[in-house]
């Protein structure tokens, strides 16, 4: 079973995503020389995140690419537009999956077998909150280890 973290009540989803990605990239893991992150979400959000990662921190660069790019297999942060995107199957990344969309994956078990950690980012938007609750219930019903990090007042 995968560990699934819900970061809920997030005011600014793209800025929060940048901070979380930076934190994960900086974390040490004894078995992995580098953290590998796949971000799944709608194309318009990923484009915004792409722009923010270029300017997020002037002192550090967070290398990222789109799943269909030739360099995606060599890049630690990869953007994929949906759980059904064919490139998701072919990426060697298997460390952390960050979901910024509202859809429930068709096969949580397949994702959980590839990604030991899944992070769900849920904003304060009512539709996003309702979709997040539905995903939380579905994951819980499948027996996954769930953790919630309430970001109210961030």
C-alpha atoms as a PDB file:
ATOM      1  CA  UNK A   1       0.000   0.000   0.000  1.00  0.00           C
ATOM      2  CA  UNK A   2       1.140   3.508  -0.773  1.00  0.00           C
ATOM      3  CA  UNK A   3       1.337   6.339   1.700  1.00  0.00           C
ATOM      4  CA  UNK A   4      -1.095   8.998   0.520  1.00  0.00           C
ATOM      5  CA  UNK A   5      -0.789  12.525   1.908  1.00  0.00           C
ATOM      6  CA  UNK A   6      -3.575  15.054   1.512  1.00  0.00           C
ATOM      7  CA  UNK A   7      -2.542  18.689   1.773  1.00  0.00           C
ATOM      8  CA  UNK A   8      -5.900  20.386   2.179  1.00  0.00           C
ATOM      9  CA  UNK A   9      -7.222  23.952   2.447  1.00  0.00           C
ATOM     10  CA  UNK A  10      -4.392  25.252   0.237  1.00  0.00           C
ATOM     11  CA  UNK A  11      -4.921  28.915  -0.685  1.00  0.00           C
ATOM     12  CA  UNK A  12      -2.551  29.164  -3.659  1.00  0.00           C
ATOM     13  CA  UNK A  13      -2.186  25.728  -5.231  1.00  0.00           C
ATOM     14  CA  UNK A  14       0.599  26.563  -7.689  1.00  0.00           C
ATOM     15  CA  UNK A  15       2.771  28.410  -5.165  1.00  0.00           C
ATOM     16  CA  UNK A  16       2.188  25.659  -2.603  1.00  0.00           C
ATOM     17  CA  UNK A  17       3.118  23.066  -5.236  1.00  0.00           C
ATOM     18  CA  UNK A  18       6.402  24.897  -5.906  1.00  0.00           C
ATOM     19  CA  UNK A  19       7.252  24.928  -2.205  1.00  0.00           C
ATOM     20  CA  UNK A  20       6.351  21.266  -1.785  1.00  0.00           C
ATOM     21  CA  UNK A  21       8.372  20.232  -4.832  1.00  0.00           C
ATOM     22  CA  UNK A  22      11.388  22.164  -3.531  1.00  0.00           C
ATOM     23  CA  UNK A  23      11.030  20.522  -0.109  1.00  0.00           C
ATOM     24  CA  UNK A  24      10.778  17.022  -1.594  1.00  0.00           C
ATOM     25  CA  UNK A  25      13.740  17.631  -3.907  1.00  0.00           C
ATOM     26  CA  UNK A  26      15.837  18.796  -0.957  1.00  0.00           C
ATOM     27  CA  UNK A  27      14.933  15.844   1.254  1.00  0.00           C
ATOM     28  CA  UNK A  28      17.514  13.123   1.633  1.00  0.00           C
ATOM     29  CA  UNK A  29      16.735   9.488   0.954  1.00  0.00           C
ATOM     30  CA  UNK A  30      19.428   6.916   1.559  1.00  0.00           C
ATOM     31  CA  UNK A  31      18.451   4.668  -1.378  1.00  0.00           C
ATOM     32  CA  UNK A  32      17.965   7.409  -3.965  1.00  0.00           C
ATOM     33  CA  UNK A  33      20.631   9.862  -5.109  1.00  0.00           C
ATOM     34  CA  UNK A  34      17.898  12.195  -6.375  1.00  0.00           C
ATOM     35  CA  UNK A  35      14.178  12.564  -5.742  1.00  0.00           C
ATOM     36  CA  UNK A  36      11.910  11.930  -8.730  1.00  0.00           C
ATOM     37  CA  UNK A  37       8.531  13.638  -8.866  1.00  0.00           C
ATOM     38  CA  UNK A  38       5.681  13.269 -11.333  1.00  0.00           C
ATOM     39  CA  UNK A  39       3.032  16.013 -11.200  1.00  0.00           C
ATOM     40  CA  UNK A  40      -0.362  15.073 -12.645  1.00  0.00           C
ATOM     41  CA  UNK A  41      -2.974  17.725 -13.347  1.00  0.00           C
ATOM     42  CA  UNK A  42      -4.823  19.796 -15.913  1.00  0.00           C
ATOM     43  CA  UNK A  43      -2.727  21.330 -18.706  1.00  0.00           C
ATOM     44  CA  UNK A  44      -3.577  24.946 -17.824  1.00  0.00           C
ATOM     45  CA  UNK A  45      -2.485  24.447 -14.203  1.00  0.00           C
ATOM     46  CA  UNK A  46       0.704  22.646 -15.254  1.00  0.00           C
ATOM     47  CA  UNK A  47       1.583  25.505 -17.638  1.00  0.00           C
ATOM     48  CA  UNK A  48       1.194  27.952 -14.734  1.00  0.00           C
ATOM     49  CA  UNK A  49       3.319  25.705 -12.505  1.00  0.00           C
ATOM     50  CA  UNK A  50       5.923  25.437 -15.275  1.00  0.00           C
ATOM     51  CA  UNK A  51       6.242  29.231 -15.388  1.00  0.00           C
ATOM     52  CA  UNK A  52       6.390  29.526 -11.610  1.00  0.00           C
ATOM     53  CA  UNK A  53       9.121  26.910 -11.275  1.00  0.00           C
ATOM     54  CA  UNK A  54      11.312  29.003 -13.609  1.00  0.00           C
ATOM     55  CA  UNK A  55      10.972  32.076 -11.400  1.00  0.00           C
ATOM     56  CA  UNK A  56      10.099  30.589  -8.004  1.00  0.00           C
ATOM     57  CA  UNK A  57      13.536  30.880  -6.447  1.00  0.00           C
ATOM     58  CA  UNK A  58      16.303  32.983  -7.980  1.00  0.00           C
ATOM     59  CA  UNK A  59      18.951  31.018  -6.054  1.00  0.00           C
ATOM     60  CA  UNK A  60      17.958  27.522  -7.175  1.00  0.00           C
ATOM     61  CA  UNK A  61      16.656  25.795 -10.277  1.00  0.00           C
ATOM     62  CA  UNK A  62      14.108  22.999 -10.103  1.00  0.00           C
ATOM     63  CA  UNK A  63      14.647  21.010 -13.344  1.00  0.00           C
ATOM     64  CA  UNK A  64      11.379  19.965 -14.923  1.00  0.00           C
ATOM     65  CA  UNK A  65       9.959  18.781 -18.237  1.00  0.00           C
ATOM     66  CA  UNK A  66       6.712  17.608 -19.797  1.00  0.00           C
ATOM     67  CA  UNK A  67       6.119  13.864 -20.005  1.00  0.00           C
ATOM     68  CA  UNK A  68       6.199  13.875 -23.811  1.00  0.00           C
ATOM     69  CA  UNK A  69       9.536  15.755 -23.952  1.00  0.00           C
ATOM     70  CA  UNK A  70      12.610  13.814 -25.073  1.00  0.00           C
ATOM     71  CA  UNK A  71      14.396  14.686 -21.807  1.00  0.00           C
ATOM     72  CA  UNK A  72      11.561  13.568 -19.510  1.00  0.00           C
ATOM     73  CA  UNK A  73      13.306  10.297 -18.603  1.00  0.00           C
ATOM     74  CA  UNK A  74      16.355  12.238 -17.417  1.00  0.00           C
ATOM     75  CA  UNK A  75      14.505  15.022 -15.588  1.00  0.00           C
ATOM     76  CA  UNK A  76      13.618  14.729 -11.891  1.00  0.00           C
ATOM     77  CA  UNK A  77      10.310  16.663 -12.144  1.00  0.00           C
ATOM     78  CA  UNK A  78       7.896  15.667 -14.893  1.00  0.00           C
ATOM     79  CA  UNK A  79       4.447  17.062 -15.755  1.00  0.00           C
ATOM     80  CA  UNK A  80       1.738  14.713 -17.038  1.00  0.00           C
ATOM     81  CA  UNK A  81      -1.774  15.901 -17.910  1.00  0.00           C
ATOM     82  CA  UNK A  82      -3.767  12.854 -16.817  1.00  0.00           C
ATOM     83  CA  UNK A  83      -3.533   9.453 -15.215  1.00  0.00           C
ATOM     84  CA  UNK A  84      -4.377   7.974 -18.620  1.00  0.00           C
ATOM     85  CA  UNK A  85      -1.476   9.721 -20.419  1.00  0.00           C
ATOM     86  CA  UNK A  86       0.642   7.053 -22.133  1.00  0.00           C
ATOM     87  CA  UNK A  87       3.903   8.699 -21.051  1.00  0.00           C
ATOM     88  CA  UNK A  88       3.047   8.021 -17.396  1.00  0.00           C
ATOM     89  CA  UNK A  89       3.549   4.302 -18.052  1.00  0.00           C
ATOM     90  CA  UNK A  90       6.968   4.772 -19.636  1.00  0.00           C
ATOM     91  CA  UNK A  91       8.561   7.160 -17.162  1.00  0.00           C
ATOM     92  CA  UNK A  92      11.168   5.525 -14.956  1.00  0.00           C
ATOM     93  CA  UNK A  93      10.192   7.867 -12.119  1.00  0.00           C
ATOM     94  CA  UNK A  94       8.862   6.072  -9.123  1.00  0.00           C
ATOM     95  CA  UNK A  95       9.442   8.162  -6.017  1.00  0.00           C
ATOM     96  CA  UNK A  96       6.600  10.666  -5.523  1.00  0.00           C
ATOM     97  CA  UNK A  97       3.448  11.454  -7.478  1.00  0.00           C
ATOM     98  CA  UNK A  98       1.822  14.836  -6.817  1.00  0.00           C
ATOM     99  CA  UNK A  99      -1.775  15.145  -7.968  1.00  0.00           C
ATOM    100  CA  UNK A 100      -3.084  18.682  -8.441  1.00  0.00           C
ATOM    101  CA  UNK A 101      -6.233  17.781 -10.381  1.00  0.00           C
ATOM    102  CA  UNK A 102      -9.666  16.643  -9.312  1.00  0.00           C
ATOM    103  CA  UNK A 103      -9.958  13.276 -11.064  1.00  0.00           C
ATOM    104  CA  UNK A 104      -9.730   9.970  -9.274  1.00  0.00           C
ATOM    105  CA  UNK A 105      -7.213   7.630 -10.912  1.00  0.00           C
ATOM    106  CA  UNK A 106      -8.826   4.688 -12.715  1.00  0.00           C
ATOM    107  CA  UNK A 107      -6.446   2.289 -11.017  1.00  0.00           C
ATOM    108  CA  UNK A 108      -5.143   3.479  -7.681  1.00  0.00           C
ATOM    109  CA  UNK A 109      -3.510   0.076  -7.212  1.00  0.00           C
ATOM    110  CA  UNK A 110      -1.337   0.537 -10.327  1.00  0.00           C
ATOM    111  CA  UNK A 111      -0.242   3.977  -9.137  1.00  0.00           C
ATOM    112  CA  UNK A 112       0.379   2.726  -5.608  1.00  0.00           C
ATOM    113  CA  UNK A 113       2.580  -0.061  -6.940  1.00  0.00           C
ATOM    114  CA  UNK A 114       4.726   2.465  -8.875  1.00  0.00           C
ATOM    115  CA  UNK A 115       4.757   5.369  -6.428  1.00  0.00           C
ATOM    116  CA  UNK A 116       5.337   4.606  -2.741  1.00  0.00           C
ATOM    117  CA  UNK A 117       4.150   8.136  -1.933  1.00  0.00           C
ATOM    118  CA  UNK A 118       1.214   9.969  -3.475  1.00  0.00           C
ATOM    119  CA  UNK A 119       0.472  13.577  -2.541  1.00  0.00           C
ATOM    120  CA  UNK A 120      -2.944  15.104  -3.166  1.00  0.00           C
ATOM    121  CA  UNK A 121      -3.107  18.911  -3.091  1.00  0.00           C
ATOM    122  CA  UNK A 122      -6.602  20.235  -2.420  1.00  0.00           C
ATOM    123  CA  UNK A 123      -7.402  23.938  -2.531  1.00  0.00           C
ATOM    124  CA  UNK A 124     -10.028  25.978  -0.696  1.00  0.00           C
ATOM    125  CA  UNK A 125     -12.232  26.017  -3.820  1.00  0.00           C
ATOM    126  CA  UNK A 126     -15.498  24.191  -3.025  1.00  0.00           C
ATOM    127  CA  UNK A 127     -15.465  21.967  -6.138  1.00  0.00           C
ATOM    128  CA  UNK A 128     -11.841  21.040  -5.444  1.00  0.00           C
ATOM    129  CA  UNK A 129     -12.661  20.278  -1.797  1.00  0.00           C
ATOM    130  CA  UNK A 130     -15.586  18.021  -2.760  1.00  0.00           C
ATOM    131  CA  UNK A 131     -13.449  16.154  -5.305  1.00  0.00           C
ATOM    132  CA  UNK A 132     -10.704  15.819  -2.671  1.00  0.00           C
ATOM    133  CA  UNK A 133     -13.154  14.332  -0.187  1.00  0.00           C
ATOM    134  CA  UNK A 134     -14.296  11.782  -2.775  1.00  0.00           C
ATOM    135  CA  UNK A 135     -10.684  10.772  -3.490  1.00  0.00           C
ATOM    136  CA  UNK A 136      -9.910  10.535   0.232  1.00  0.00           C
ATOM    137  CA  UNK A 137     -12.879   8.202   0.770  1.00  0.00           C
ATOM    138  CA  UNK A 138     -11.936   6.060  -2.245  1.00  0.00           C
ATOM    139  CA  UNK A 139      -8.331   5.706  -1.071  1.00  0.00           C
ATOM    140  CA  UNK A 140      -9.459   4.929   2.492  1.00  0.00           C
ATOM    141  CA  UNK A 141     -11.912   2.298   1.260  1.00  0.00           C
ATOM    142  CA  UNK A 142      -9.039   0.606  -0.589  1.00  0.00           C
ATOM    143  CA  UNK A 143      -6.984   0.405   2.600  1.00  0.00           C
ATOM    144  CA  UNK A 144      -4.227   2.942   1.880  1.00  0.00           C
ATOM    145  CA  UNK A 145      -2.312   4.717   4.636  1.00  0.00           C
ATOM    146  CA  UNK A 146      -3.742   8.265   4.644  1.00  0.00           C
ATOM    147  CA  UNK A 147      -2.405  11.433   6.238  1.00  0.00           C
ATOM    148  CA  UNK A 148      -4.002  14.867   6.148  1.00  0.00           C
ATOM    149  CA  UNK A 149      -2.073  18.116   6.475  1.00  0.00           C
ATOM    150  CA  UNK A 150      -4.539  20.978   6.935  1.00  0.00           C
ATOM    151  CA  UNK A 151      -3.048  24.176   5.537  1.00  0.00           C
ATOM    152  CA  UNK A 152      -5.668  26.551   6.947  1.00  0.00           C
ATOM    153  CA  UNK A 153      -3.950  29.812   7.778  1.00  0.00           C
ATOM    154  CA  UNK A 154      -0.840  29.054   5.714  1.00  0.00           C
END
